[in-house]
Amino acid sequence: MPKRLDLTGKRFGKLVATAPYAKTKKYGWKWLCQCDCGRQTIHRVDHLTSGHTRSCGCEKIKFGKTLVAQTLERRCCPHCGEVL
């Protein structure tokens, strides 16, 4: 049986692994992580080490807000702000 990886203090994108959280039968260890935005979340080791998970989700929220702002900017008249 493989040993548990010690990820304490290691950075994965915007996440820093702080402590092991729980072991599951199907996916192995999950870790408690602290995001740069301040949120704490729990992630699977394989998702952290593969690069699949790089933030708590704050990047998706930020991207969504940016996308909405860009869409509204394109739909508004630059002179009066009226929706086209």
C-alpha atoms as a PDB file:
ATOM      1  CA  MET A   1       0.000   0.000   0.000  1.00  0.00           C
ATOM      2  CA  PRO A   2       1.510   3.367  -1.007  1.00  0.00           C
ATOM      3  CA  LYS A   3       2.337   5.895   1.687  1.00  0.00           C
ATOM      4  CA  ARG A   4       0.293   9.058   1.981  1.00  0.00           C
ATOM      5  CA  LEU A   5       1.968  11.999   0.233  1.00  0.00           C
ATOM      6  CA  ASP A   6       2.862  14.844   2.572  1.00  0.00           C
ATOM      7  CA  LEU A   7       1.580  17.875   0.712  1.00  0.00           C
ATOM      8  CA  THR A   8       1.653  20.230   3.702  1.00  0.00           C
ATOM      9  CA  GLY A   9       2.670  23.713   2.555  1.00  0.00           C
ATOM     10  CA  LYS A  10       2.899  22.768  -1.126  1.00  0.00           C
ATOM     11  CA  ARG A  11       1.347  25.133  -3.658  1.00  0.00           C
ATOM     12  CA  PHE A  12      -0.941  24.051  -6.485  1.00  0.00           C
ATOM     13  CA  GLY A  13      -1.869  27.136  -8.476  1.00  0.00           C
ATOM     14  CA  LYS A  14      -3.670  29.413  -6.014  1.00  0.00           C
ATOM     15  CA  LEU A  15      -4.103  26.618  -3.448  1.00  0.00           C
ATOM     16  CA  VAL A  16      -1.786  25.697  -0.581  1.00  0.00           C
ATOM     17  CA  ALA A  17      -2.326  22.268   1.009  1.00  0.00           C
ATOM     18  CA  THR A  18      -2.667  22.755   4.771  1.00  0.00           C
ATOM     19  CA  ALA A  19      -3.666  19.376   6.241  1.00  0.00           C
ATOM     20  CA  PRO A  20      -4.897  15.908   5.281  1.00  0.00           C
ATOM     21  CA  TYR A  21      -8.686  15.832   5.586  1.00  0.00           C
ATOM     22  CA  ALA A  22      -9.940  12.283   5.036  1.00  0.00           C
ATOM     23  CA  LYS A  23      -9.254   9.093   3.155  1.00  0.00           C
ATOM     24  CA  THR A  24     -11.884   7.658   0.836  1.00  0.00           C
ATOM     25  CA  LYS A  25     -11.996   4.088  -0.445  1.00  0.00           C
ATOM     26  CA  LYS A  26     -12.454   5.107  -4.057  1.00  0.00           C
ATOM     27  CA  TYR A  27     -10.206   8.181  -4.461  1.00  0.00           C
ATOM     28  CA  GLY A  28      -7.643   8.045  -1.661  1.00  0.00           C
ATOM     29  CA  TRP A  29      -6.716  11.100   0.394  1.00  0.00           C
ATOM     30  CA  LYS A  30      -8.396  14.477   0.316  1.00  0.00           C
ATOM     31  CA  TRP A  31      -6.618  17.574   1.573  1.00  0.00           C
ATOM     32  CA  LEU A  32      -7.777  20.795   3.175  1.00  0.00           C
ATOM     33  CA  CYS A  33      -6.426  23.677   1.093  1.00  0.00           C
ATOM     34  CA  GLN A  34      -6.229  27.425   1.585  1.00  0.00           C
ATOM     35  CA  CYS A  35      -6.844  29.536  -1.522  1.00  0.00           C
ATOM     36  CA  ASP A  36      -5.156  32.891  -2.125  1.00  0.00           C
ATOM     37  CA  CYS A  37      -8.634  34.494  -2.018  1.00  0.00           C
ATOM     38  CA  GLY A  38      -9.012  33.310   1.615  1.00  0.00           C
ATOM     39  CA  ARG A  39     -11.422  30.412   1.144  1.00  0.00           C
ATOM     40  CA  GLN A  40     -10.708  26.930   2.518  1.00  0.00           C
ATOM     41  CA  THR A  41     -11.715  23.974   0.368  1.00  0.00           C
ATOM     42  CA  ILE A  42     -11.187  20.207   0.244  1.00  0.00           C
ATOM     43  CA  HIS A  43      -9.639  18.561  -2.816  1.00  0.00           C
ATOM     44  CA  ARG A  44      -8.514  15.124  -3.950  1.00  0.00           C
ATOM     45  CA  VAL A  45      -4.760  14.500  -4.090  1.00  0.00           C
ATOM     46  CA  ASP A  46      -4.877  13.307  -7.701  1.00  0.00           C
ATOM     47  CA  HIS A  47      -6.661  16.498  -8.781  1.00  0.00           C
ATOM     48  CA  LEU A  48      -4.086  18.675  -7.023  1.00  0.00           C
ATOM     49  CA  THR A  49      -1.009  16.845  -8.295  1.00  0.00           C
ATOM     50  CA  SER A  50      -2.281  16.549 -11.888  1.00  0.00           C
ATOM     51  CA  GLY A  51      -3.124  20.256 -12.154  1.00  0.00           C
ATOM     52  CA  HIS A  52      -6.844  19.552 -12.601  1.00  0.00           C
ATOM     53  CA  THR A  53      -7.631  21.749  -9.576  1.00  0.00           C
ATOM     54  CA  ARG A  54      -5.796  25.076  -9.263  1.00  0.00           C
ATOM     55  CA  SER A  55      -8.171  27.256  -7.222  1.00  0.00           C
ATOM     56  CA  CYS A  56     -11.241  27.092  -4.993  1.00  0.00           C
ATOM     57  CA  GLY A  57     -13.424  28.208  -7.888  1.00  0.00           C
ATOM     58  CA  CYS A  58     -12.711  31.910  -7.508  1.00  0.00           C
ATOM     59  CA  GLU A  59     -11.047  31.930 -10.942  1.00  0.00           C
ATOM     60  CA  LYS A  60     -14.254  30.688 -12.588  1.00  0.00           C
ATOM     61  CA  ILE A  61     -16.254  33.386 -10.790  1.00  0.00           C
ATOM     62  CA  LYS A  62     -13.734  36.063 -11.802  1.00  0.00           C
ATOM     63  CA  PHE A  63     -13.748  34.835 -15.417  1.00  0.00           C
ATOM     64  CA  GLY A  64     -17.567  34.814 -15.474  1.00  0.00           C
ATOM     65  CA  LYS A  65     -17.781  38.386 -14.182  1.00  0.00           C
ATOM     66  CA  THR A  66     -15.202  39.523 -16.754  1.00  0.00           C
ATOM     67  CA  LEU A  67     -17.094  37.782 -19.548  1.00  0.00           C
ATOM     68  CA  VAL A  68     -20.377  39.446 -18.518  1.00  0.00           C
ATOM     69  CA  ALA A  69     -18.703  42.864 -18.355  1.00  0.00           C
ATOM     70  CA  GLN A  70     -17.168  42.410 -21.811  1.00  0.00           C
ATOM     71  CA  THR A  71     -20.508  41.289 -23.266  1.00  0.00           C
ATOM     72  CA  LEU A  72     -22.320  44.293 -21.793  1.00  0.00           C
ATOM     73  CA  GLU A  73     -19.576  46.587 -23.041  1.00  0.00           C
ATOM     74  CA  ARG A  74     -20.041  45.291 -26.590  1.00  0.00           C
ATOM     75  CA  ARG A  75     -23.823  45.656 -26.404  1.00  0.00           C
ATOM     76  CA  CYS A  76     -23.821  49.258 -25.181  1.00  0.00           C
ATOM     77  CA  CYS A  77     -23.401  52.379 -27.229  1.00  0.00           C
ATOM     78  CA  PRO A  78     -20.027  53.930 -26.248  1.00  0.00           C
ATOM     79  CA  HIS A  79     -21.437  57.475 -26.410  1.00  0.00           C
ATOM     80  CA  CYS A  80     -24.655  57.301 -24.420  1.00  0.00           C
ATOM     81  CA  GLY A  81     -24.523  53.848 -22.757  1.00  0.00           C
ATOM     82  CA  GLU A  82     -27.810  52.799 -24.350  1.00  0.00           C
ATOM     83  CA  VAL A  83     -28.235  49.068 -24.991  1.00  0.00           C
ATOM     84  CA  LEU A  84     -28.033  48.319 -28.707  1.00  0.00           C
END
